[in-house]
Amino acid sequence: MKKMILPGIICMPLKKNLKGVPSDWREVKCPKCGRSCYERPLPKGCDHMEFENALCTECALKEGKKLHKKWKEQVGRENMKKE
């Protein structure tokens, strides 16, 4: 099955926030900040999906906030054109 790329960011839990993890989680570095975090397998039924980006939880929240702000600005501009 062809992978479907979804817009958005998947969160990788930070190592500092966890004491023990399942054996199928892999320790990686966040591509944005370089901190240790865990890449987890996608839930069953989602293995054909791929996300645009994977970041540690803190970076994902910051990036999501920026994306939300841009989206709100865009929606606001579109609504102004309709009036």
Foldseek 3Di string as FASTA:
>chain_A
DAAAEDEAEAAFEAPVVDDDDDPQWDWDAFPPPGGITTDHQDDPPNNSYHYPYYGHPVVRVVVVVVVVVVVVVVVVVVVVVVD
